[in-house]
Amino acid sequence: MKQKPHICPRCGEITSKIHDYRVQRIKDVPLFGKPTVIVLKKRRYVCKHCGKKFYEHIDYLPRYHRMTNRLSIYILQQLKNNKA
């Protein structure tokens, strides 16, 4: 993913200073009937103004989740189609 400036959740200042990275494995929709895992290198930013450290915002991945929004919708559709 391209680097872009982020807004500090504590003070509201804009920062683009990267503190470090973390690798996260994220489950996604199966491809060709096989489980899919995305290996994402997440950036952790640090605010130059207040010192707060925070992770970048990723549109397809809610905070604290280990699966994409797409997989959540896929699972719900599969459950809806397999009514008992």
PDB file of N, CA and C in Angstrom:
ATOM      1  N   MET A   1       0.843  -1.180   0.000  1.00  0.00           N
ATOM      2  CA  MET A   1       0.000   0.000   0.000  1.00  0.00           C
ATOM      3  C   MET A   1       0.887   1.241   0.000  1.00  0.00           C
ATOM      4  N   LYS A   2       0.406   2.282  -0.656  1.00  0.00           N
ATOM      5  CA  LYS A   2       1.162   3.523  -0.703  1.00  0.00           C
ATOM      6  C   LYS A   2       1.081   4.248   0.636  1.00  0.00           C
ATOM      7  N   GLN A   3       2.176   4.896   0.970  1.00  0.00           N
ATOM      8  CA  GLN A   3       2.218   5.676   2.207  1.00  0.00           C
ATOM      9  C   GLN A   3       1.489   6.998   1.979  1.00  0.00           C
ATOM     10  N   LYS A   4       0.689   7.387   2.972  1.00  0.00           N
ATOM     11  CA  LYS A   4       0.000   8.667   2.910  1.00  0.00           C
ATOM     12  C   LYS A   4      -0.069   9.253   4.312  1.00  0.00           C
ATOM     13  N   PRO A   5      -0.189  10.569   4.421  1.00  0.00           N
ATOM     14  CA  PRO A   5      -0.282  11.194   5.746  1.00  0.00           C
ATOM     15  C   PRO A   5      -1.541  10.737   6.487  1.00  0.00           C
ATOM     16  N   HIS A   6      -1.439  10.603   7.795  1.00  0.00           N
ATOM     17  CA  HIS A   6      -2.565  10.206   8.638  1.00  0.00           C
ATOM     18  C   HIS A   6      -2.797  11.255   9.718  1.00  0.00           C
ATOM     19  N   ILE A   7      -4.016  11.277  10.232  1.00  0.00           N
ATOM     20  CA  ILE A   7      -4.391  12.212  11.293  1.00  0.00           C
ATOM     21  C   ILE A   7      -4.223  11.512  12.635  1.00  0.00           C
ATOM     22  N   CYS A   8      -3.543  12.167  13.554  1.00  0.00           N
ATOM     23  CA  CYS A   8      -3.323  11.618  14.889  1.00  0.00           C
ATOM     24  C   CYS A   8      -4.665  11.500  15.619  1.00  0.00           C
ATOM     25  N   PRO A   9      -4.973  10.323  16.188  1.00  0.00           N
ATOM     26  CA  PRO A   9      -6.243  10.158  16.904  1.00  0.00           C
ATOM     27  C   PRO A   9      -6.293  10.925  18.222  1.00  0.00           C
ATOM     28  N   ARG A  10      -5.139  11.327  18.758  1.00  0.00           N
ATOM     29  CA  ARG A  10      -5.117  12.046  20.030  1.00  0.00           C
ATOM     30  C   ARG A  10      -5.270  13.557  19.832  1.00  0.00           C
ATOM     31  N   CYS A  11      -4.411  14.146  18.988  1.00  0.00           N
ATOM     32  CA  CYS A  11      -4.387  15.613  18.900  1.00  0.00           C
ATOM     33  C   CYS A  11      -4.925  16.158  17.582  1.00  0.00           C
ATOM     34  N   GLY A  12      -5.112  15.305  16.551  1.00  0.00           N
ATOM     35  CA  GLY A  12      -5.677  15.756  15.292  1.00  0.00           C
ATOM     36  C   GLY A  12      -4.670  16.323  14.300  1.00  0.00           C
ATOM     37  N   GLU A  13      -3.391  16.325  14.651  1.00  0.00           N
ATOM     38  CA  GLU A  13      -2.349  16.811  13.735  1.00  0.00           C
ATOM     39  C   GLU A  13      -2.094  15.778  12.639  1.00  0.00           C
ATOM     40  N   ILE A  14      -1.656  16.243  11.488  1.00  0.00           N
ATOM     41  CA  ILE A  14      -1.332  15.347  10.380  1.00  0.00           C
ATOM     42  C   ILE A  14       0.132  14.933  10.502  1.00  0.00           C
ATOM     43  N   THR A  15       0.383  13.615  10.335  1.00  0.00           N
ATOM     44  CA  THR A  15       1.748  13.105  10.414  1.00  0.00           C
ATOM     45  C   THR A  15       1.991  12.093   9.310  1.00  0.00           C
ATOM     46  N   SER A  16       3.212  12.012   8.837  1.00  0.00           N
ATOM     47  CA  SER A  16       3.605  10.990   7.872  1.00  0.00           C
ATOM     48  C   SER A  16       4.869  10.281   8.341  1.00  0.00           C
ATOM     49  N   LYS A  17       5.250  10.495   9.605  1.00  0.00           N
ATOM     50  CA  LYS A  17       6.463   9.886  10.157  1.00  0.00           C
ATOM     51  C   LYS A  17       6.161   8.457  10.599  1.00  0.00           C
ATOM     52  N   ILE A  18       6.860   7.495   9.998  1.00  0.00           N
ATOM     53  CA  ILE A  18       6.649   6.084  10.312  1.00  0.00           C
ATOM     54  C   ILE A  18       7.518   5.704  11.506  1.00  0.00           C
ATOM     55  N   HIS A  19       6.891   5.051  12.494  1.00  0.00           N
ATOM     56  CA  HIS A  19       7.625   4.584  13.682  1.00  0.00           C
ATOM     57  C   HIS A  19       8.224   3.199  13.434  1.00  0.00           C
ATOM     58  N   ASP A  20       7.378   2.255  12.969  1.00  0.00           N
ATOM     59  CA  ASP A  20       7.853   0.912  12.650  1.00  0.00           C
ATOM     60  C   ASP A  20       6.811   0.183  11.812  1.00  0.00           C
ATOM     61  N   TYR A  21       7.071  -1.096  11.546  1.00  0.00           N
ATOM     62  CA  TYR A  21       6.174  -1.940  10.754  1.00  0.00           C
ATOM     63  C   TYR A  21       5.834  -3.190  11.546  1.00  0.00           C
ATOM     64  N   ARG A  22       4.701  -3.805  11.165  1.00  0.00           N
ATOM     65  CA  ARG A  22       4.308  -5.086  11.750  1.00  0.00           C
ATOM     66  C   ARG A  22       3.673  -5.924  10.658  1.00  0.00           C
ATOM     67  N   VAL A  23       4.022  -7.194  10.586  1.00  0.00           N
ATOM     68  CA  VAL A  23       3.434  -8.088   9.592  1.00  0.00           C
ATOM     69  C   VAL A  23       2.205  -8.745  10.214  1.00  0.00           C
ATOM     70  N   GLN A  24       1.100  -8.726   9.471  1.00  0.00           N
ATOM     71  CA  GLN A  24      -0.148  -9.312   9.952  1.00  0.00           C
ATOM     72  C   GLN A  24      -0.718 -10.224   8.871  1.00  0.00           C
ATOM     73  N   ARG A  25      -1.150 -11.405   9.272  1.00  0.00           N
ATOM     74  CA  ARG A  25      -1.789 -12.351   8.350  1.00  0.00           C
ATOM     75  C   ARG A  25      -3.297 -12.163   8.447  1.00  0.00           C
ATOM     76  N   ILE A  26      -3.938 -11.965   7.288  1.00  0.00           N
ATOM     77  CA  ILE A  26      -5.369 -11.658   7.242  1.00  0.00           C
ATOM     78  C   ILE A  26      -6.064 -12.658   6.320  1.00  0.00           C
ATOM     79  N   LYS A  27      -7.142 -13.247   6.793  1.00  0.00           N
ATOM     80  CA  LYS A  27      -7.921 -14.179   5.978  1.00  0.00           C
ATOM     81  C   LYS A  27      -8.781 -13.397   5.000  1.00  0.00           C
ATOM     82  N   ASP A  28      -8.894 -13.947   3.769  1.00  0.00           N
ATOM     83  CA  ASP A  28      -9.707 -13.319   2.737  1.00  0.00           C
ATOM     84  C   ASP A  28     -10.575 -14.379   2.075  1.00  0.00           C
ATOM     85  N   VAL A  29     -11.396 -13.964   1.117  1.00  0.00           N
ATOM     86  CA  VAL A  29     -12.325 -14.848   0.416  1.00  0.00           C
ATOM     87  C   VAL A  29     -11.537 -15.961  -0.290  1.00  0.00           C
ATOM     88  N   PRO A  30     -12.032 -17.210  -0.228  1.00  0.00           N
ATOM     89  CA  PRO A  30     -11.329 -18.311  -0.894  1.00  0.00           C
ATOM     90  C   PRO A  30     -11.208 -18.082  -2.404  1.00  0.00           C
ATOM     91  N   LEU A  31     -10.047 -18.458  -2.942  1.00  0.00           N
ATOM     92  CA  LEU A  31      -9.822 -18.403  -4.389  1.00  0.00           C
ATOM     93  C   LEU A  31      -9.716 -19.829  -4.912  1.00  0.00           C
ATOM     94  N   PHE A  32     -10.486 -20.138  -5.945  1.00  0.00           N
ATOM     95  CA  PHE A  32     -10.487 -21.474  -6.543  1.00  0.00           C
ATOM     96  C   PHE A  32     -10.739 -22.552  -5.498  1.00  0.00           C
ATOM     97  N   GLY A  33     -11.587 -22.225  -4.503  1.00  0.00           N
ATOM     98  CA  GLY A  33     -11.954 -23.192  -3.474  1.00  0.00           C
ATOM     99  C   GLY A  33     -10.911 -23.405  -2.394  1.00  0.00           C
ATOM    100  N   LYS A  34      -9.850 -22.623  -2.396  1.00  0.00           N
ATOM    101  CA  LYS A  34      -8.784 -22.779  -1.398  1.00  0.00           C
ATOM    102  C   LYS A  34      -8.726 -21.551  -0.492  1.00  0.00           C
ATOM    103  N   PRO A  35      -8.411 -21.758   0.789  1.00  0.00           N
ATOM    104  CA  PRO A  35      -8.306 -20.618   1.716  1.00  0.00           C
ATOM    105  C   PRO A  35      -7.250 -19.615   1.247  1.00  0.00           C
ATOM    106  N   THR A  36      -7.522 -18.350   1.459  1.00  0.00           N
ATOM    107  CA  THR A  36      -6.612 -17.284   1.042  1.00  0.00           C
ATOM    108  C   THR A  36      -6.183 -16.483   2.260  1.00  0.00           C
ATOM    109  N   VAL A  37      -4.885 -16.193   2.326  1.00  0.00           N
ATOM    110  CA  VAL A  37      -4.341 -15.372   3.402  1.00  0.00           C
ATOM    111  C   VAL A  37      -3.533 -14.242   2.777  1.00  0.00           C
ATOM    112  N   ILE A  38      -3.799 -13.026   3.225  1.00  0.00           N
ATOM    113  CA  ILE A  38      -3.039 -11.857   2.796  1.00  0.00           C
ATOM    114  C   ILE A  38      -1.998 -11.575   3.875  1.00  0.00           C
ATOM    115  N   VAL A  39      -0.763 -11.408   3.456  1.00  0.00           N
ATOM    116  CA  VAL A  39       0.297 -11.035   4.400  1.00  0.00           C
ATOM    117  C   VAL A  39       0.512  -9.535   4.221  1.00  0.00           C
ATOM    118  N   LEU A  40       0.106  -8.769   5.226  1.00  0.00           N
ATOM    119  CA  LEU A  40       0.097  -7.311   5.150  1.00  0.00           C
ATOM    120  C   LEU A  40       1.174  -6.731   6.062  1.00  0.00           C
ATOM    121  N   LYS A  41       1.968  -5.840   5.521  1.00  0.00           N
ATOM    122  CA  LYS A  41       2.982  -5.142   6.305  1.00  0.00           C
ATOM    123  C   LYS A  41       2.377  -3.805   6.730  1.00  0.00           C
ATOM    124  N   LYS A  42       1.852  -3.764   7.963  1.00  0.00           N
ATOM    125  CA  LYS A  42       1.183  -2.567   8.469  1.00  0.00           C
ATOM    126  C   LYS A  42       2.196  -1.558   8.994  1.00  0.00           C
ATOM    127  N   ARG A  43       1.920  -0.284   8.739  1.00  0.00           N
ATOM    128  CA  ARG A  43       2.775   0.789   9.249  1.00  0.00           C
ATOM    129  C   ARG A  43       2.224   1.306  10.570  1.00  0.00           C
ATOM    130  N   ARG A  44       3.134   1.640  11.470  1.00  0.00           N
ATOM    131  CA  ARG A  44       2.742   2.313  12.705  1.00  0.00           C
ATOM    132  C   ARG A  44       3.372   3.699  12.653  1.00  0.00           C
ATOM    133  N   TYR A  45       2.527   4.705  12.737  1.00  0.00           N
ATOM    134  CA  TYR A  45       2.966   6.095  12.666  1.00  0.00           C
ATOM    135  C   TYR A  45       3.196   6.651  14.062  1.00  0.00           C
ATOM    136  N   VAL A  46       3.979   7.724  14.136  1.00  0.00           N
ATOM    137  CA  VAL A  46       4.166   8.441  15.391  1.00  0.00           C
ATOM    138  C   VAL A  46       3.890   9.918  15.106  1.00  0.00           C
ATOM    139  N   CYS A  47       3.119  10.539  15.972  1.00  0.00           N
ATOM    140  CA  CYS A  47       2.782  11.956  15.833  1.00  0.00           C
ATOM    141  C   CYS A  47       3.968  12.803  16.294  1.00  0.00           C
ATOM    142  N   LYS A  48       4.390  13.732  15.456  1.00  0.00           N
ATOM    143  CA  LYS A  48       5.505  14.609  15.803  1.00  0.00           C
ATOM    144  C   LYS A  48       5.105  15.611  16.887  1.00  0.00           C
ATOM    145  N   HIS A  49       3.800  15.869  17.000  1.00  0.00           N
ATOM    146  CA  HIS A  49       3.314  16.883  17.937  1.00  0.00           C
ATOM    147  C   HIS A  49       3.169  16.336  19.367  1.00  0.00           C
ATOM    148  N   CYS A  50       2.451  15.191  19.506  1.00  0.00           N
ATOM    149  CA  CYS A  50       2.157  14.686  20.858  1.00  0.00           C
ATOM    150  C   CYS A  50       2.845  13.360  21.186  1.00  0.00           C
ATOM    151  N   GLY A  51       3.452  12.697  20.191  1.00  0.00           N
ATOM    152  CA  GLY A  51       4.174  11.458  20.446  1.00  0.00           C
ATOM    153  C   GLY A  51       3.331  10.190  20.403  1.00  0.00           C
ATOM    154  N   LYS A  52       2.041  10.315  20.120  1.00  0.00           N
ATOM    155  CA  LYS A  52       1.139   9.155  20.056  1.00  0.00           C
ATOM    156  C   LYS A  52       1.548   8.238  18.903  1.00  0.00           C
ATOM    157  N   LYS A  53       1.573   6.920  19.164  1.00  0.00           N
ATOM    158  CA  LYS A  53       1.851   5.936  18.128  1.00  0.00           C
ATOM    159  C   LYS A  53       0.545   5.240  17.764  1.00  0.00           C
ATOM    160  N   PHE A  54       0.316   5.065  16.453  1.00  0.00           N
ATOM    161  CA  PHE A  54      -0.937   4.463  15.998  1.00  0.00           C
ATOM    162  C   PHE A  54      -0.737   3.801  14.648  1.00  0.00           C
ATOM    163  N   TYR A  55      -1.586   2.804  14.349  1.00  0.00           N
ATOM    164  CA  TYR A  55      -1.515   2.096  13.079  1.00  0.00           C
ATOM    165  C   TYR A  55      -2.271   2.850  12.003  1.00  0.00           C
ATOM    166  N   GLU A  56      -1.846   2.633  10.749  1.00  0.00           N
ATOM    167  CA  GLU A  56      -2.511   3.267   9.619  1.00  0.00           C
ATOM    168  C   GLU A  56      -3.927   2.712   9.463  1.00  0.00           C
ATOM    169  N   HIS A  57      -4.791   3.501   8.866  1.00  0.00           N
ATOM    170  CA  HIS A  57      -6.173   3.083   8.598  1.00  0.00           C
ATOM    171  C   HIS A  57      -6.202   2.304   7.293  1.00  0.00           C
ATOM    172  N   ILE A  58      -6.806   1.112   7.313  1.00  0.00           N
ATOM    173  CA  ILE A  58      -6.938   0.279   6.125  1.00  0.00           C
ATOM    174  C   ILE A  58      -8.426   0.073   5.884  1.00  0.00           C
ATOM    175  N   ASP A  59      -8.911   0.497   4.720  1.00  0.00           N
ATOM    176  CA  ASP A  59     -10.351   0.504   4.425  1.00  0.00           C
ATOM    177  C   ASP A  59     -10.999  -0.872   4.514  1.00  0.00           C
ATOM    178  N   TYR A  60     -10.344  -1.900   4.023  1.00  0.00           N
ATOM    179  CA  TYR A  60     -10.963  -3.223   3.958  1.00  0.00           C
ATOM    180  C   TYR A  60     -10.740  -4.068   5.211  1.00  0.00           C
ATOM    181  N   LEU A  61     -10.098  -3.489   6.235  1.00  0.00           N
ATOM    182  CA  LEU A  61      -9.799  -4.247   7.446  1.00  0.00           C
ATOM    183  C   LEU A  61     -10.192  -3.437   8.683  1.00  0.00           C
ATOM    184  N   PRO A  62     -11.295  -3.826   9.350  1.00  0.00           N
ATOM    185  CA  PRO A  62     -11.680  -3.111  10.572  1.00  0.00           C
ATOM    186  C   PRO A  62     -10.638  -3.283  11.673  1.00  0.00           C
ATOM    187  N   ARG A  63     -10.634  -2.374  12.602  1.00  0.00           N
ATOM    188  CA  ARG A  63      -9.687  -2.398  13.708  1.00  0.00           C
ATOM    189  C   ARG A  63      -9.827  -3.689  14.517  1.00  0.00           C
ATOM    190  N   TYR A  64      -8.712  -4.310  14.861  1.00  0.00           N
ATOM    191  CA  TYR A  64      -8.616  -5.546  15.642  1.00  0.00           C
ATOM    192  C   TYR A  64      -9.107  -6.799  14.909  1.00  0.00           C
ATOM    193  N   HIS A  65      -9.460  -6.726  13.645  1.00  0.00           N
ATOM    194  CA  HIS A  65      -9.968  -7.885  12.913  1.00  0.00           C
ATOM    195  C   HIS A  65      -8.837  -8.634  12.227  1.00  0.00           C
ATOM    196  N   ARG A  66      -9.041  -9.916  12.029  1.00  0.00           N
ATOM    197  CA  ARG A  66      -8.076 -10.770  11.353  1.00  0.00           C
ATOM    198  C   ARG A  66      -8.633 -11.281  10.027  1.00  0.00           C
ATOM    199  N   MET A  67      -9.768 -10.747   9.599  1.00  0.00           N
ATOM    200  CA  MET A  67     -10.354 -11.106   8.306  1.00  0.00           C
ATOM    201  C   MET A  67     -10.902  -9.851   7.635  1.00  0.00           C
ATOM    202  N   THR A  68     -10.915  -9.864   6.310  1.00  0.00           N
ATOM    203  CA  THR A  68     -11.379  -8.709   5.549  1.00  0.00           C
ATOM    204  C   THR A  68     -12.895  -8.566   5.644  1.00  0.00           C
ATOM    205  N   ASN A  69     -13.389  -7.376   5.343  1.00  0.00           N
ATOM    206  CA  ASN A  69     -14.838  -7.147   5.274  1.00  0.00           C
ATOM    207  C   ASN A  69     -15.453  -8.060   4.221  1.00  0.00           C
ATOM    208  N   ARG A  70     -14.714  -8.258   3.129  1.00  0.00           N
ATOM    209  CA  ARG A  70     -15.190  -9.106   2.031  1.00  0.00           C
ATOM    210  C   ARG A  70     -15.444 -10.531   2.509  1.00  0.00           C
ATOM    211  N   LEU A  71     -14.569 -11.072   3.360  1.00  0.00           N
ATOM    212  CA  LEU A  71     -14.747 -12.428   3.873  1.00  0.00           C
ATOM    213  C   LEU A  71     -15.946 -12.495   4.815  1.00  0.00           C
ATOM    214  N   SER A  72     -16.140 -11.475   5.623  1.00  0.00           N
ATOM    215  CA  SER A  72     -17.301 -11.442   6.526  1.00  0.00           C
ATOM    216  C   SER A  72     -18.602 -11.489   5.727  1.00  0.00           C
ATOM    217  N   ILE A  73     -18.682 -10.713   4.665  1.00  0.00           N
ATOM    218  CA  ILE A  73     -19.883 -10.696   3.809  1.00  0.00           C
ATOM    219  C   ILE A  73     -20.056 -12.041   3.119  1.00  0.00           C
ATOM    220  N   TYR A  74     -18.956 -12.619   2.645  1.00  0.00           N
ATOM    221  CA  TYR A  74     -18.987 -13.928   1.984  1.00  0.00           C
ATOM    222  C   TYR A  74     -19.536 -14.999   2.930  1.00  0.00           C
ATOM    223  N   ILE A  75     -19.083 -15.010   4.169  1.00  0.00           N
ATOM    224  CA  ILE A  75     -19.540 -15.993   5.157  1.00  0.00           C
ATOM    225  C   ILE A  75     -21.036 -15.825   5.422  1.00  0.00           C
ATOM    226  N   LEU A  76     -21.481 -14.582   5.586  1.00  0.00           N
ATOM    227  CA  LEU A  76     -22.905 -14.337   5.807  1.00  0.00           C
ATOM    228  C   LEU A  76     -23.756 -14.795   4.628  1.00  0.00           C
ATOM    229  N   GLN A  77     -23.272 -14.567   3.409  1.00  0.00           N
ATOM    230  CA  GLN A  77     -24.001 -15.021   2.217  1.00  0.00           C
ATOM    231  C   GLN A  77     -24.071 -16.547   2.171  1.00  0.00           C
ATOM    232  N   GLN A  78     -22.980 -17.226   2.537  1.00  0.00           N
ATOM    233  CA  GLN A  78     -22.967 -18.683   2.548  1.00  0.00           C
ATOM    234  C   GLN A  78     -23.945 -19.231   3.588  1.00  0.00           C
ATOM    235  N   LEU A  79     -24.009 -18.589   4.740  1.00  0.00           N
ATOM    236  CA  LEU A  79     -24.954 -19.010   5.772  1.00  0.00           C
ATOM    237  C   LEU A  79     -26.401 -18.789   5.325  1.00  0.00           C
ATOM    238  N   LYS A  80     -26.627 -17.664   4.639  1.00  0.00           N
ATOM    239  CA  LYS A  80     -27.973 -17.349   4.147  1.00  0.00           C
ATOM    240  C   LYS A  80     -28.414 -18.371   3.094  1.00  0.00           C
ATOM    241  N   ASN A  81     -27.491 -18.786   2.235  1.00  0.00           N
ATOM    242  CA  ASN A  81     -27.806 -19.743   1.164  1.00  0.00           C
ATOM    243  C   ASN A  81     -27.994 -21.168   1.686  1.00  0.00           C
ATOM    244  N   ASN A  82     -27.405 -21.495   2.820  1.00  0.00           N
ATOM    245  CA  ASN A  82     -27.469 -22.847   3.390  1.00  0.00           C
ATOM    246  C   ASN A  82     -28.443 -22.922   4.550  1.00  0.00           C
ATOM    247  N   LYS A  83     -29.646 -22.388   4.351  1.00  0.00           N
ATOM    248  CA  LYS A  83     -30.649 -22.452   5.425  1.00  0.00           C
ATOM    249  C   LYS A  83     -31.025 -23.902   5.716  1.00  0.00           C
ATOM    250  N   ALA A  84     -31.189 -24.206   6.997  1.00  0.00           N
ATOM    251  CA  ALA A  84     -31.580 -25.559   7.379  1.00  0.00           C
ATOM    252  C   ALA A  84     -33.009 -25.570   7.862  1.00  0.00           C
TER     253      ALA A  84
END
